[in-house]
Amino acid sequence: MSSVSPKRGGRPATGQVKFFRGRWHVRLTLSDGTRSPWIDLDPNIPEEDKAAARACARLVSNEARALGAVRDRVRETCDEWFKRFHAYKERLGRATVTDMRGRYKKWVAPDIGTKDPRVVTRVDVERVVRRLDKAIVAWAKAGAKRGTGISPST
C-alpha cells in the first residue's frame, strides 16, 4: 500500500501535525473523508523537531491505513488540481495567472491544499472565507494600504 499520492509523486500522507498541550499530535483523514480526533504522538519529540513529528505521524498513518481506517491514497490534492488549473489558464494566455497562483497559495492552500478535493467540506470552505474576511478588515483598517490584507474587490 502506498502512502504517497500516485500522481506526480506527491508528499507522504502524514495527516495534519500540530504541537499543543506539551506534545505533538496528528489528525488523519479517515476512509469516509472525515478527520480523526487529535492523536497523541511520541511525547519525547521536542517542539522544535517537526520533521520527527511528521515521521511519527507517517507511522501512525501507515498503521491506520493498514487497518483500513484511512484511505490508501489520495488521487490528487487541491494543490495538484490548482497547479493543473493554473497551467491550463496559462496555456489560454491569461495574464493574471501569476496573481492567481499567489492568491491561491496565500489565501486558500493553507486550509485545503493537502486535501483531496473530494473531501473538502463546507467547513473547510468557510474557514477560507473567514481568512479572507479577516484580511479584508485588516486592509480597511490599514487605510487600503497595499501589502496589508486583501482588497474586497480581489
Protein backbone atom coordinates (compact mmCIF):
# COMPACT_ATOMS: atom_id res chain seq x y z
CA MET A 1 0.00 0.00 0.00
CA SER A 2 1.38 3.34 -0.99
CA SER A 3 1.36 6.31 1.35
CA VAL A 4 2.31 8.73 -1.40
CA SER A 5 -0.02 10.44 -3.82
CA PRO A 6 0.47 8.45 -7.04
CA LYS A 7 0.24 11.42 -9.39
CA ARG A 8 3.46 13.39 -9.67
CA GLY A 9 4.93 11.56 -6.64
CA GLY A 10 3.15 13.74 -4.01
CA ARG A 11 4.21 14.05 -0.40
CA PRO A 12 3.86 11.21 2.11
CA ALA A 13 0.47 11.10 3.81
CA THR A 14 1.20 12.20 7.38
CA GLY A 15 -2.07 13.89 8.21
CA GLN A 16 -2.01 17.25 9.97
CA VAL A 17 0.62 17.59 12.70
CA LYS A 18 0.39 20.23 15.41
CA PHE A 19 2.13 20.92 18.72
CA PHE A 20 -0.14 21.72 21.65
CA ARG A 21 -0.59 20.73 25.30
CA GLY A 22 3.14 19.98 25.53
CA ARG A 23 3.36 17.37 22.77
CA TRP A 24 2.86 16.69 19.06
CA HIS A 25 -0.50 15.45 17.77
CA VAL A 26 -1.80 14.25 14.39
CA ARG A 27 -5.21 14.26 12.69
CA LEU A 28 -5.78 11.81 9.88
CA THR A 29 -8.29 11.84 7.03
CA LEU A 30 -10.40 8.74 7.51
CA SER A 31 -11.78 6.46 4.80
CA ASP A 32 -15.15 8.24 4.84
CA GLY A 33 -13.45 11.62 4.27
CA THR A 34 -13.90 12.89 7.83
CA ARG A 35 -11.00 13.83 10.10
CA SER A 36 -9.90 11.77 13.09
CA PRO A 37 -9.72 13.35 16.53
CA TRP A 38 -6.25 14.56 17.53
CA ILE A 39 -3.99 11.57 18.19
CA ASP A 40 -1.07 11.97 20.62
CA LEU A 41 2.36 11.28 19.16
CA ASP A 42 5.55 10.27 20.97
CA PRO A 43 5.90 12.63 23.98
CA ASN A 44 9.71 12.56 23.59
CA ILE A 45 9.62 14.53 20.32
CA PRO A 46 10.70 18.12 21.11
CA GLU A 47 8.57 21.02 19.95
CA GLU A 48 11.26 22.27 17.54
CA ASP A 49 11.54 18.89 15.73
CA LYS A 50 8.64 19.00 13.29
CA ALA A 51 10.42 16.54 10.96
CA ALA A 52 10.44 13.88 13.70
CA ALA A 53 6.77 14.60 14.42
CA ARG A 54 5.92 14.11 10.74
CA ALA A 55 7.91 10.87 10.64
CA CYS A 56 6.00 9.61 13.69
CA ALA A 57 2.71 10.76 12.13
CA ARG A 58 3.60 8.85 8.96
CA LEU A 59 3.97 5.66 11.05
CA VAL A 60 0.57 6.27 12.70
CA SER A 61 -0.97 6.98 9.29
CA ASN A 62 0.51 3.82 7.76
CA GLU A 63 -0.79 1.70 10.62
CA ALA A 64 -4.26 3.25 10.36
CA ARG A 65 -4.17 2.66 6.60
CA ALA A 66 -3.20 -0.99 7.10
CA LEU A 67 -6.21 -1.38 9.41
CA GLY A 68 -8.49 0.23 6.79
CA ALA A 69 -9.27 3.33 8.85
CA VAL A 70 -7.52 5.72 6.46
CA ARG A 71 -7.67 6.00 2.70
CA ASP A 72 -4.94 4.07 0.96
CA ARG A 73 -4.06 7.02 -1.21
CA VAL A 74 -5.11 10.46 -2.31
CA ARG A 75 -5.73 10.60 -6.03
CA GLU A 76 -4.89 14.27 -6.27
CA THR A 77 -4.59 17.07 -3.71
CA CYS A 78 -6.16 20.51 -4.12
CA ASP A 79 -2.62 21.87 -4.61
CA GLU A 80 -2.10 19.47 -7.54
CA TRP A 81 -5.50 20.29 -9.02
CA PHE A 82 -4.85 24.04 -8.82
CA LYS A 83 -1.42 23.51 -10.40
CA ARG A 84 -3.12 21.87 -13.40
CA PHE A 85 -5.81 24.58 -13.44
CA HIS A 86 -3.23 27.38 -13.47
CA ALA A 87 -1.24 25.64 -16.23
CA TYR A 88 -4.45 25.44 -18.29
CA LYS A 89 -5.15 29.14 -17.74
CA GLU A 90 -1.56 29.90 -18.75
CA ARG A 91 -1.99 27.93 -21.99
CA LEU A 92 -5.05 30.08 -22.71
CA GLY A 93 -2.83 33.13 -22.40
CA ARG A 94 -4.38 34.63 -19.27
CA ALA A 95 -2.23 37.48 -18.00
CA THR A 96 -3.34 37.08 -14.39
CA VAL A 97 -2.10 33.51 -13.78
CA THR A 98 0.82 34.68 -11.62
CA ASP A 99 -1.62 36.62 -9.41
CA MET A 100 -3.98 33.64 -9.31
CA ARG A 101 -1.18 31.33 -8.17
CA GLY A 102 -0.11 33.75 -5.45
CA ARG A 103 -3.63 34.27 -4.17
CA TYR A 104 -4.32 30.55 -4.05
CA LYS A 105 -1.04 29.87 -2.24
CA LYS A 106 -1.55 32.62 0.33
CA TRP A 107 -5.29 32.54 0.99
CA VAL A 108 -6.63 29.09 0.08
CA ALA A 109 -3.85 26.48 0.19
CA PRO A 110 -3.20 26.73 3.95
CA ASP A 111 -6.69 25.35 4.60
CA ILE A 112 -7.29 22.85 1.79
CA GLY A 113 -4.04 22.48 -0.17
CA THR A 114 -3.13 18.98 1.03
CA LYS A 115 -6.70 17.66 0.95
CA ASP A 116 -8.25 15.51 -1.72
CA PRO A 117 -10.80 17.80 -3.44
CA ARG A 118 -13.46 15.12 -2.99
CA VAL A 119 -13.32 15.50 0.79
CA VAL A 120 -13.24 19.31 1.03
CA THR A 121 -16.22 20.22 3.19
CA ARG A 122 -18.35 23.29 3.73
CA VAL A 123 -16.44 23.84 6.99
CA ASP A 124 -13.16 23.93 5.04
CA VAL A 125 -14.52 26.50 2.60
CA GLU A 126 -15.99 28.59 5.42
CA ARG A 127 -12.52 28.60 7.04
CA VAL A 128 -11.12 30.08 3.80
CA VAL A 129 -13.91 32.66 3.77
CA ARG A 130 -13.17 33.67 7.39
CA ARG A 131 -9.47 34.06 6.50
CA LEU A 132 -10.41 36.34 3.58
CA ASP A 133 -12.88 38.33 5.68
CA LYS A 134 -10.19 38.98 8.31
CA ALA A 135 -7.76 40.05 5.58
CA ILE A 136 -10.33 42.47 4.14
CA VAL A 137 -10.86 44.01 7.59
CA ALA A 138 -7.08 44.33 8.04
CA TRP A 139 -6.81 46.01 4.61
CA ALA A 140 -9.56 48.51 5.51
CA LYS A 141 -8.01 49.26 8.94
CA ALA A 142 -4.67 49.93 7.26
CA GLY A 143 -6.33 52.58 5.11
CA ALA A 144 -6.33 50.46 1.95
CA LYS A 145 -2.56 50.22 2.12
CA ARG A 146 -1.09 47.87 -0.47
CA GLY A 147 0.53 44.80 1.07
CA THR A 148 -1.75 44.75 4.10
CA GLY A 149 -4.58 42.20 3.92
CA ILE A 150 -6.55 42.00 0.70
CA SER A 151 -8.90 44.32 -1.14
CA PRO A 152 -12.57 43.25 -1.18
CA SER A 153 -12.60 43.64 -4.96
CA THR A 154 -9.88 41.00 -5.21
